[in-house]
Amino acid sequence: MKYAETHLETGDYIPGLNGEGFTPAHWFLPEELQELLETRGAQVLEMAGLEGLSSHHKKETNRLYKDQERWKMWINVLLKICTHPSVVGSAEHFLLVGRKHC
C-alpha cells in the first residue's frame, strides 16, 4: 500500500523502486492504451477483458469449472460480454487488437 499513490499517479510499477515483484510494468487504462496507439497511427479494432467477469472471482470460477454444464454456460456469458467497455476496464488483463498500415 505504501506505493499505491505512486502507482495511481504514474501507472508505473518498478520493482525495488516502487514495489516488490518480478518485472517492471505499466498499468494502462483501456482508453489510455487506445489513445496512445491511435496517436501513433494504429487503428484499434477490438478490446477484450481476458478474464472478464471471472477476473476477481477465482474461487467461484474454479467451482463452476467442476460442473461442465454450468461451465459451458459461464464461458458463453464471458465470451458474449468480454468486449463491453466496463468488462475490459475491470478485467485484470485486457487484449487490444489493432492494425497499423505501414
Protein backbone atom coordinates (compact mmCIF):
# COMPACT_ATOMS: atom_id res chain seq x y z
CA MET A 1 0.00 0.00 0.00
CA LYS A 2 2.87 2.39 0.57
CA TYR A 3 3.38 2.60 -3.22
CA ALA A 4 -0.31 2.80 -4.18
CA GLU A 5 -0.29 6.56 -4.67
CA THR A 6 2.75 6.40 -6.97
CA HIS A 7 1.14 3.61 -8.98
CA LEU A 8 -2.09 5.58 -9.29
CA GLU A 9 -0.33 8.77 -10.39
CA THR A 10 2.09 7.23 -12.90
CA GLY A 11 0.73 3.78 -13.76
CA ASP A 12 4.31 2.57 -13.44
CA TYR A 13 5.45 -0.38 -11.38
CA ILE A 14 9.21 -0.71 -10.99
CA PRO A 15 10.41 -3.47 -8.63
CA GLY A 16 12.78 -2.17 -6.00
CA LEU A 17 11.84 1.45 -6.71
CA ASN A 18 8.11 1.47 -6.06
CA GLY A 19 7.24 -2.07 -5.02
CA GLU A 20 8.37 -5.67 -4.84
CA GLY A 21 7.86 -8.09 -7.70
CA PHE A 22 9.24 -9.83 -10.72
CA THR A 23 9.14 -7.38 -13.62
CA PRO A 24 8.59 -3.69 -14.40
CA ALA A 25 5.18 -2.84 -15.86
CA HIS A 26 2.87 0.00 -16.75
CA TRP A 27 -0.79 -0.42 -15.85
CA PHE A 28 -2.83 1.05 -18.67
CA LEU A 29 -6.43 2.05 -18.53
CA PRO A 30 -8.03 0.72 -21.74
CA GLU A 31 -8.70 4.22 -23.07
CA GLU A 32 -5.13 5.28 -22.25
CA LEU A 33 -3.63 2.49 -24.35
CA GLN A 34 -6.13 3.06 -27.16
CA GLU A 35 -5.25 6.76 -27.31
CA LEU A 36 -1.53 6.02 -27.23
CA LEU A 37 -1.78 3.66 -30.19
CA GLU A 38 -4.17 5.83 -32.19
CA THR A 39 -1.93 8.90 -31.83
CA ARG A 40 0.81 6.77 -33.39
CA GLY A 41 -1.27 5.84 -36.42
CA ALA A 42 -2.72 2.50 -35.31
CA GLN A 43 -6.37 1.60 -35.72
CA VAL A 44 -7.89 -0.16 -32.70
CA LEU A 45 -10.09 -2.99 -33.95
CA GLU A 46 -11.19 -4.54 -30.67
CA MET A 47 -10.52 -4.71 -26.95
CA ALA A 48 -11.47 -7.61 -24.70
CA GLY A 49 -11.24 -8.32 -20.98
CA LEU A 50 -9.34 -11.61 -20.85
CA GLU A 51 -10.71 -12.99 -17.61
CA GLY A 52 -13.90 -11.00 -17.98
CA LEU A 53 -16.27 -11.17 -15.05
CA SER A 54 -14.19 -14.01 -13.61
CA SER A 55 -11.25 -11.65 -13.02
CA HIS A 56 -11.82 -11.16 -9.33
CA HIS A 57 -13.70 -14.39 -8.63
CA LYS A 58 -11.11 -17.15 -8.76
CA LYS A 59 -12.75 -19.49 -6.24
CA GLU A 60 -16.20 -19.13 -7.76
CA THR A 61 -14.86 -19.64 -11.27
CA ASN A 62 -12.98 -22.78 -10.25
CA ARG A 63 -16.13 -24.09 -8.58
CA LEU A 64 -18.10 -23.56 -11.82
CA TYR A 65 -15.45 -25.49 -13.74
CA LYS A 66 -16.23 -28.62 -11.73
CA ASP A 67 -19.72 -28.74 -13.28
CA GLN A 68 -19.12 -28.88 -17.03
CA GLU A 69 -22.71 -27.95 -17.95
CA ARG A 70 -22.57 -24.80 -15.83
CA TRP A 71 -19.02 -24.13 -17.02
CA LYS A 72 -20.11 -24.11 -20.68
CA MET A 73 -22.89 -21.65 -19.87
CA TRP A 74 -20.44 -19.42 -17.99
CA ILE A 75 -17.90 -19.45 -20.84
CA ASN A 76 -20.68 -18.43 -23.25
CA VAL A 77 -21.58 -15.50 -20.99
CA LEU A 78 -17.93 -14.44 -20.73
CA LEU A 79 -17.45 -14.57 -24.48
CA LYS A 80 -20.62 -12.57 -25.17
CA ILE A 81 -19.66 -9.68 -22.89
CA CYS A 82 -15.83 -9.68 -22.92
CA THR A 83 -15.69 -6.66 -25.25
CA HIS A 84 -18.05 -4.46 -23.24
CA PRO A 85 -16.06 -1.41 -22.04
CA SER A 86 -16.95 -1.98 -18.38
CA VAL A 87 -15.69 -5.58 -18.58
CA VAL A 88 -12.49 -4.55 -20.38
CA GLY A 89 -11.81 -1.90 -17.73
CA SER A 90 -12.43 -4.19 -14.77
CA ALA A 91 -10.54 -7.25 -16.01
CA GLU A 92 -7.12 -7.99 -14.56
CA HIS A 93 -5.73 -8.20 -18.11
CA PHE A 94 -7.08 -6.98 -21.41
CA LEU A 95 -6.26 -7.59 -25.04
CA LEU A 96 -6.14 -4.85 -27.62
CA VAL A 97 -6.21 -5.87 -31.29
CA GLY A 98 -5.03 -3.22 -33.68
CA ARG A 99 -3.70 -2.60 -37.13
CA LYS A 100 -1.14 -0.17 -38.36
CA HIS A 101 -0.65 0.44 -42.05
CA CYS A 102 2.96 0.95 -42.96
